[in-house]
Amino acid sequence: MTVVDAPSSLLAWSGGLGRLFRPVGYASDFDICEQFDPWLLQWRLAKTCPADLAAVSGLSEALRLVFTTVHARRAPVGVIGPRDATDDEYGMAESLGRLLAVHGLQMICGGMGGVMEAACKGHLQAGGAPVGLLPQDEWNSGNPYVAIPIATGIGAARNAIIARASIVLVAVGGGYGTLTEMAYGLHFNRLVLGLGKTPFVAGAVPCASPAEAISRVAGHVLERMNDPPATDQTGITKDR
């Protein structure tokens, strides 16, 4: 059977099971349906469709429901950006971190100042536990809002690890360091989003607001993350 993604308007939540469902194909009923596995982060054919299904208002709300359940695997979303952030970038990153936490998403970043500090602050204050992959040798070298500090001692080389470890990268502003992380993310076939005055990089998706970034994260996780690897213009498959 070839399963076709249902539009977000057909997503439904079972409160009794704590699971997200969608009909198979574009049918408007739930005679045959799939459920989203919050541990494997993929859709699976359901044995039965529960009777208590309630419509979900959109992808962002569906994402929140999935990732605030007890047994969801919290693959991280990476937040990247400059240490010398502008006031606008700081505020945008803080809002982004807060929204990531509200939607139950794990956040990872470089753990230092500027955009990284702001995102950690928003995430921590909204109940999250932001991970900081620190370039220095000691766990306490990061910003005061890092809940899970990981000292690497490898300097800027940790940028590649952040890009590889994240299911989505969100850049807020940026300089050369951010550009390298964006390039790594695209090379590793990750969705890369840009907020504010993020440098243009072919393949990255600009977002007008943190809320739009969350919506795009939701669409990626719930609809496209398990698509086959993309290819570049030469037809060469990108690295996973």
Foldseek 3Di string as FASTA:
>chain_A
DDFDDEALQQWWADPVVLWIKGDGDHDNDNQWIWIQDQAVLHTDTDPGDDPRIDTDPGLLRNLLSSQVDPPGDAQEEEEDADQPADPVLLVQLLVLLLSCQSSNHAYEYQQAHDSNLSSLNNNVVNPYQHEHAHCCQDQPRGDPSHRHGHDDVNHLVCLLVSLLRHQEYEYRAHDPSVVVSQVSNVLQQHAYEYEDNHDDDPRHHYDDGSVVVSNVVSCCSNPNSPPPFDADPVRDGGHD
